[in-house]
Protein backbone atom coordinates (compact mmCIF):
# COMPACT_ATOMS: atom_id res chain seq x y z
CA MET A 1 102.42 73.94 111.23
CA ILE A 2 101.19 76.27 108.52
CA GLN A 3 98.14 78.29 109.52
CA PRO A 4 95.49 78.17 106.76
CA ARG A 5 94.72 81.37 104.89
CA SER A 6 91.29 81.59 106.52
CA VAL A 7 93.02 82.36 109.87
CA ILE A 8 94.18 85.74 108.53
CA GLY A 9 91.04 86.43 106.50
CA VAL A 10 92.24 85.43 103.04
CA PRO A 11 89.61 83.68 100.86
CA GLU A 12 90.31 80.50 98.95
CA PRO A 13 91.77 81.31 95.50
CA PRO A 14 89.35 80.98 92.57
CA ALA A 15 89.55 77.89 90.38
CA SER A 16 91.00 80.04 87.60
CA ARG A 17 94.12 80.97 89.62
CA ARG A 18 97.25 79.17 88.44
CA LYS A 19 99.27 76.89 90.70
CA LEU A 20 103.04 77.10 91.02
CA SER A 21 105.06 74.16 89.78
CA MET A 22 108.78 73.53 90.31
CA VAL A 23 109.85 77.17 90.53
CA ARG A 24 113.53 77.82 91.24
CA TRP A 25 113.41 80.98 93.34
CA LEU A 26 112.14 81.84 96.82
CA LEU A 27 112.06 85.61 97.29
CA VAL A 28 112.29 87.01 100.83
CA HIS A 29 110.35 90.19 101.63
CA TYR A 30 109.72 92.15 104.81
CA PRO A 31 107.29 94.98 105.70
CA GLY A 32 110.05 97.33 106.91
CA VAL A 33 107.85 99.36 109.23
CA ALA A 34 108.18 100.23 112.90
CA THR A 35 104.71 98.95 113.78
CA THR A 36 105.58 95.26 113.50
CA SER A 37 106.86 93.17 116.40
CA ARG A 38 110.37 93.52 117.74
CA PHE A 39 109.78 90.74 120.25
CA VAL A 40 108.17 87.31 119.96
CA ASP A 41 104.46 87.64 120.66
CA PRO A 42 102.09 85.07 119.12
CA GLN A 43 99.13 87.44 119.22
CA ARG A 44 101.18 90.18 117.57
CA GLU A 45 102.38 87.74 114.90
CA LEU A 46 98.75 86.94 114.12
CA SER A 47 97.62 90.57 114.09
CA ASP A 48 100.57 91.57 111.86
CA ALA A 49 99.68 88.77 109.43
CA LYS A 50 96.06 89.92 109.40
CA LEU A 51 97.16 93.50 108.70
CA THR A 52 99.32 92.32 105.80
CA ALA A 53 96.42 90.32 104.38
CA ALA A 54 94.04 93.25 104.81
CA TYR A 55 96.45 95.56 103.02
CA GLY A 56 96.68 93.12 100.12
CA ALA A 57 92.89 93.00 99.90
CA SER A 58 92.72 96.82 99.97
CA ILE A 59 94.93 97.07 96.89
CA ARG A 60 93.02 94.24 95.18
CA ASN A 61 95.89 91.85 95.69
CA PRO A 62 94.60 89.40 98.33
CA TYR A 63 97.22 86.80 97.35
CA GLU A 64 100.24 89.12 97.45
CA TYR A 65 102.68 86.78 99.23
CA ASN A 66 102.64 83.02 99.23
CA PHE A 67 103.45 82.74 102.94
CA LEU A 68 104.07 85.02 105.93
CA VAL A 69 106.52 84.07 108.71
CA GLY A 70 106.40 85.85 112.05
CA LEU A 71 109.36 86.63 114.28
CA GLY A 72 108.51 83.66 116.49
CA GLY A 73 108.35 81.31 113.51
CA ALA A 74 104.57 81.17 112.99
CA VAL A 75 103.79 80.49 109.31
CA PHE A 76 100.60 81.80 107.67
CA GLU A 77 99.35 80.89 104.22
CA GLN A 78 98.31 83.64 101.82
CA ALA A 79 98.56 82.58 98.14
CA GLY A 80 100.09 79.28 99.26
CA HIS A 81 100.80 76.99 96.31
CA PHE A 82 99.10 79.39 93.89
CA VAL A 83 100.81 82.18 91.93
CA GLY A 84 101.26 85.19 94.22
CA GLY A 85 101.46 88.90 93.44
CA HIS A 86 104.71 89.86 95.17
CA CYS A 87 107.11 90.60 92.26
CA LEU A 88 105.94 92.15 89.01
CA ASN A 89 106.64 89.96 85.95
CA PHE A 90 108.17 87.24 88.10
CA ASN A 91 105.26 85.87 90.13
CA PRO A 92 104.78 82.65 88.11
CA TYR A 93 108.46 81.78 88.62
CA SER A 94 108.91 82.36 92.36
CA VAL A 95 107.56 81.82 95.86
CA GLY A 96 107.25 85.03 97.89
CA VAL A 97 107.72 84.82 101.67
CA MET A 98 107.26 87.89 103.85
CA LEU A 99 109.12 87.94 107.17
CA GLY A 100 107.31 90.03 109.77
CA ASN A 101 110.33 91.97 111.01
CA ALA A 102 110.42 95.63 111.99
CA ILE A 103 113.06 97.98 110.61
CA GLY A 104 116.53 96.90 111.75
CA VAL A 105 115.36 93.62 113.29
CA PRO A 106 117.33 90.62 111.98
CA ALA A 107 115.80 87.24 111.27
CA SER A 108 115.33 85.08 114.34
CA ASP A 109 116.48 81.48 114.63
CA ALA A 110 112.81 80.50 114.79
CA GLN A 111 112.18 82.21 111.47
CA ALA A 112 115.18 80.48 109.92
CA ARG A 113 113.96 77.09 111.11
CA SER A 114 110.40 77.74 109.92
CA LEU A 115 111.58 78.94 106.53
CA ALA A 116 113.75 75.84 106.10
CA ALA A 117 110.86 73.57 107.06
CA LEU A 118 108.59 75.47 104.67
CA ARG A 119 111.14 75.03 101.87
CA ALA A 120 111.25 71.31 102.55
CA ASP A 121 107.44 71.10 102.41
CA LEU A 122 107.35 73.02 99.13
CA VAL A 123 110.03 70.80 97.60
CA ALA A 124 108.10 67.70 98.68
CA ALA A 125 104.91 69.16 97.16
CA GLY A 126 106.64 69.86 93.82
CA VAL A 127 106.20 73.64 94.17
CA LEU A 128 109.89 74.46 94.71
CA HIS A 129 112.57 72.81 92.60
CA PRO A 130 115.02 70.83 94.78
CA ASP A 131 117.76 72.94 93.18
CA HIS A 132 116.41 76.35 94.22
CA LEU A 133 117.74 79.63 95.61
CA VAL A 134 116.58 81.80 98.51
CA VAL A 135 117.24 85.46 97.61
CA PRO A 136 116.08 88.95 98.61
CA HIS A 137 113.25 90.50 96.63
CA TYR A 138 115.56 93.21 95.32
CA ARG A 139 117.46 90.64 93.25
CA PHE A 140 114.56 90.95 90.81
CA ARG A 141 113.10 94.40 91.51
CA SER A 142 115.06 97.47 92.61
CA THR A 143 113.60 98.02 96.09
CA SER A 144 114.66 98.30 99.73
CA CYS A 145 113.04 94.93 100.41
CA CYS A 146 114.24 92.93 102.21
CA GLY A 147 116.35 95.41 104.21
CA ASP A 148 119.91 95.54 105.49
CA ALA A 149 119.01 93.59 108.64
CA LEU A 150 117.90 90.62 106.55
CA ALA A 151 120.18 90.90 103.52
CA ASP A 152 123.42 92.37 102.25
CA PRO A 153 122.82 94.50 99.14
CA GLN A 154 126.54 94.42 98.21
CA GLY A 155 126.54 98.11 97.41
CA GLY A 156 123.46 97.84 95.22
CA ARG A 157 125.27 96.58 92.11
CA ASN A 158 122.83 96.21 89.23
CA TRP A 159 122.70 92.97 87.24
CA ILE A 160 120.83 91.60 84.24
CA SER A 161 117.97 90.09 86.20
CA PRO A 162 115.09 88.44 84.34
CA THR A 163 113.00 91.56 85.01
CA GLY A 164 115.86 93.90 84.08
CA GLU A 165 115.66 95.81 87.37
CA GLY A 166 117.49 93.74 89.97
CA ARG A 167 120.35 94.49 92.37
CA MET A 168 122.93 92.05 93.70
CA GLY A 169 122.85 90.82 97.29
CA GLU A 170 122.19 87.82 99.48
CA VAL A 171 119.81 87.15 102.36
CA ASP A 172 121.06 86.31 105.84
CA ALA A 173 123.05 83.08 105.60
CA ARG A 174 120.78 81.43 108.18
CA LEU A 175 117.82 81.93 105.85
CA ARG A 176 119.71 80.14 103.08
CA GLY A 177 120.94 77.39 105.36
CA ASP A 178 119.58 73.87 105.70
CA TRP A 179 117.62 73.82 108.96
CA ALA A 180 115.02 71.55 107.40
CA PRO A 181 113.95 68.26 108.97
CA MET A 182 114.32 66.71 105.51
CA PRO A 183 117.45 67.50 103.46
CA VAL A 184 117.21 70.25 100.86
CA PRO A 185 119.88 69.72 98.17
CA PRO A 186 122.39 72.58 97.87
CA PRO A 187 121.12 75.21 95.41
CA SER A 188 122.62 75.95 92.03
CA PRO A 189 121.54 79.31 90.66
CA ALA A 190 121.38 78.71 86.96
CA PRO A 191 118.50 76.80 85.39
CA VAL A 192 120.62 75.76 82.43
CA ASP A 193 118.68 72.63 81.59
CA VAL A 194 116.84 74.50 78.82
CA ASP A 195 118.73 74.22 75.55
CA VAL A 196 119.50 77.51 73.85
CA PRO A 197 118.21 77.30 70.26
CA THR A 198 120.77 78.22 67.61
CA PRO A 199 118.88 78.67 64.30
CA THR A 200 117.64 82.15 63.36
CA LEU A 201 114.04 82.45 64.49
CA ARG A 202 111.66 85.23 63.46
CA LEU A 203 107.96 85.92 62.96
CA GLY A 204 106.45 82.82 61.35
CA SER A 205 109.18 80.36 62.43
CA SER A 206 107.96 77.10 63.94
CA GLY A 207 109.20 73.76 65.20
CA GLN A 208 111.18 72.42 68.15
CA GLU A 209 113.68 75.30 68.21
CA ALA A 210 110.85 77.85 68.28
CA TRP A 211 109.14 75.92 71.08
CA GLU A 212 112.36 75.90 73.13
CA LEU A 213 112.86 79.63 72.62
CA ILE A 214 109.32 80.34 73.86
CA VAL A 215 110.09 78.19 76.94
CA VAL A 216 113.11 80.40 77.63
CA LEU A 217 111.10 83.60 77.11
CA LYS A 218 108.41 82.45 79.52
CA PHE A 219 110.80 81.04 82.12
CA TRP A 220 112.66 84.35 82.43
CA ALA A 221 109.46 86.46 82.25
CA TRP A 222 110.42 88.09 78.95
CA TYR A 223 107.21 86.92 77.30
CA PRO A 224 104.41 89.56 77.51
CA ALA A 225 102.92 89.15 80.98
CA GLN A 226 99.28 89.41 79.89
CA TRP A 227 99.72 86.41 77.57
CA MET A 228 102.03 84.31 79.76
CA ALA A 229 99.36 81.63 80.14
CA ASP A 230 99.11 81.09 76.37
CA ARG A 231 99.73 77.55 75.21
CA ASN A 232 103.17 77.10 73.64
CA ASP A 233 102.37 75.89 70.12
CA GLY A 234 105.94 76.13 68.84
CA LYS A 235 105.18 79.04 66.53
CA ILE A 236 106.82 82.49 66.66
CA GLY A 237 103.90 84.90 66.55
CA ALA A 238 103.58 88.59 67.32
CA ARG A 239 103.60 87.95 71.08
CA SER A 240 106.76 85.86 70.88
CA VAL A 241 108.39 88.62 68.83
CA GLU A 242 107.60 91.09 71.62
CA GLY A 243 109.17 88.64 74.08
CA ILE A 244 112.29 88.39 71.92
CA LYS A 245 112.56 92.18 71.88
CA THR A 246 112.21 92.32 75.69
CA MET A 247 114.93 89.67 76.01
CA GLN A 248 117.19 91.56 73.60
CA ARG A 249 116.78 94.79 75.56
CA ALA A 250 117.62 92.96 78.82
CA LEU A 251 120.70 91.43 77.15
CA LYS A 252 121.78 94.77 75.63
CA CYS A 253 121.23 93.58 72.05
CA ARG A 254 119.51 95.41 69.21
CA ALA A 255 115.79 94.83 69.79
CA ASP A 256 114.74 93.77 66.29
CA GLY A 257 112.63 90.77 67.32
CA VAL A 258 114.81 88.32 65.39
CA TYR A 259 116.61 85.60 67.36
CA GLY A 260 119.89 85.18 65.52
CA PRO A 261 123.53 84.41 66.33
CA VAL A 262 124.16 87.69 68.19
CA THR A 263 121.18 87.25 70.51
CA ALA A 264 121.97 83.53 70.99
CA LYS A 265 125.53 84.40 72.04
CA ALA A 266 124.26 87.05 74.48
CA LEU A 267 121.79 84.56 75.94
CA ARG A 268 124.51 81.98 76.48
CA ALA A 269 126.62 84.65 78.19
CA PHE A 270 123.62 85.41 80.40
CA PHE A 271 123.41 81.74 81.46
CA VAL A 272 127.15 81.73 82.22
CA TRP A 273 126.67 84.86 84.30
CA MET A 274 123.85 83.18 86.21
CA GLU A 275 126.04 80.17 86.94
CA SER A 276 128.67 82.42 88.49
CA LEU A 277 126.34 84.02 91.08
C-alpha cells in the first residue's frame, strides 16, 4: 500500500501543478549516504522518508521524487502522479523513484516487489506507458545516482541522451523484472511512434509537419524548459527555433535553427540508436 504524502509531511500539490501522462521512463535514484538504513526497520524507513521530504522542502523542491521506497518495501508518495523535480529538463517525461539504500547496499527483494507493484499501478492509472523502461538516473544526468550497488554504469560511457548529459548503464535486473501482480508488458526503449517530419522547417513554418516536430522537441526535452507547457499551435516560432538548436547540438549538427535534411537524418539515426539500447 502506498503511504500518502501527508505521512511524510509533504503538502498536496497546488492545482497549477501538471500531472504526468503516459511517460516512458522510470528513473531510479538513491540517497547514497551512510545514515540510511542497512537493515529493514519500518520506523527507520519512515524517518528516512521524512528526512528526504524535509530536504526537498528546504531546497524549495517539496515534490522532488514521485515515490520513495524503503529497504523493507514501504512505498511513500511525494509528487505522486504529478510532475516531480528529480531530473533537470526531464521531469515531465519520467517518474522518479528514490530507493532508501545506504552506500553499497543492494536492492532488497522487498524493494523489487514493491517497485514492480508500483509500476503496475502507474500503468493502470495511465501515468506510465505499458511499454516503459526502468533505468538509473545517470542515464539522463551525469551523476553517481543510483550507485554501483543498484546499477552497472558500464564504464560510464556517454551517450546522446535527451538531456545531452547521460551515461550508459542498467539498474539491477531485479528492479527491471516483472514481479508485479498484474503483467507489465516487456519494455521497448525507443518511442518511435512519433513520425519524423521531412520537409525543411524554419521560423514561420506551420502545419502538420511543424506540429509533429514540436511534439518531438517537447518529448525529448529539447524545447526550452520554461515554455514547455505552451500549447502546440503547429507554428515554428522563436521558442521552437531554440528547441531545434538544442536538438541539433545534442545530435552533433550545426545549430542553425533550421530543420532540414541533415538534421532529419541525424534524428532518425538517434531513434535507431535508441532502439538498439
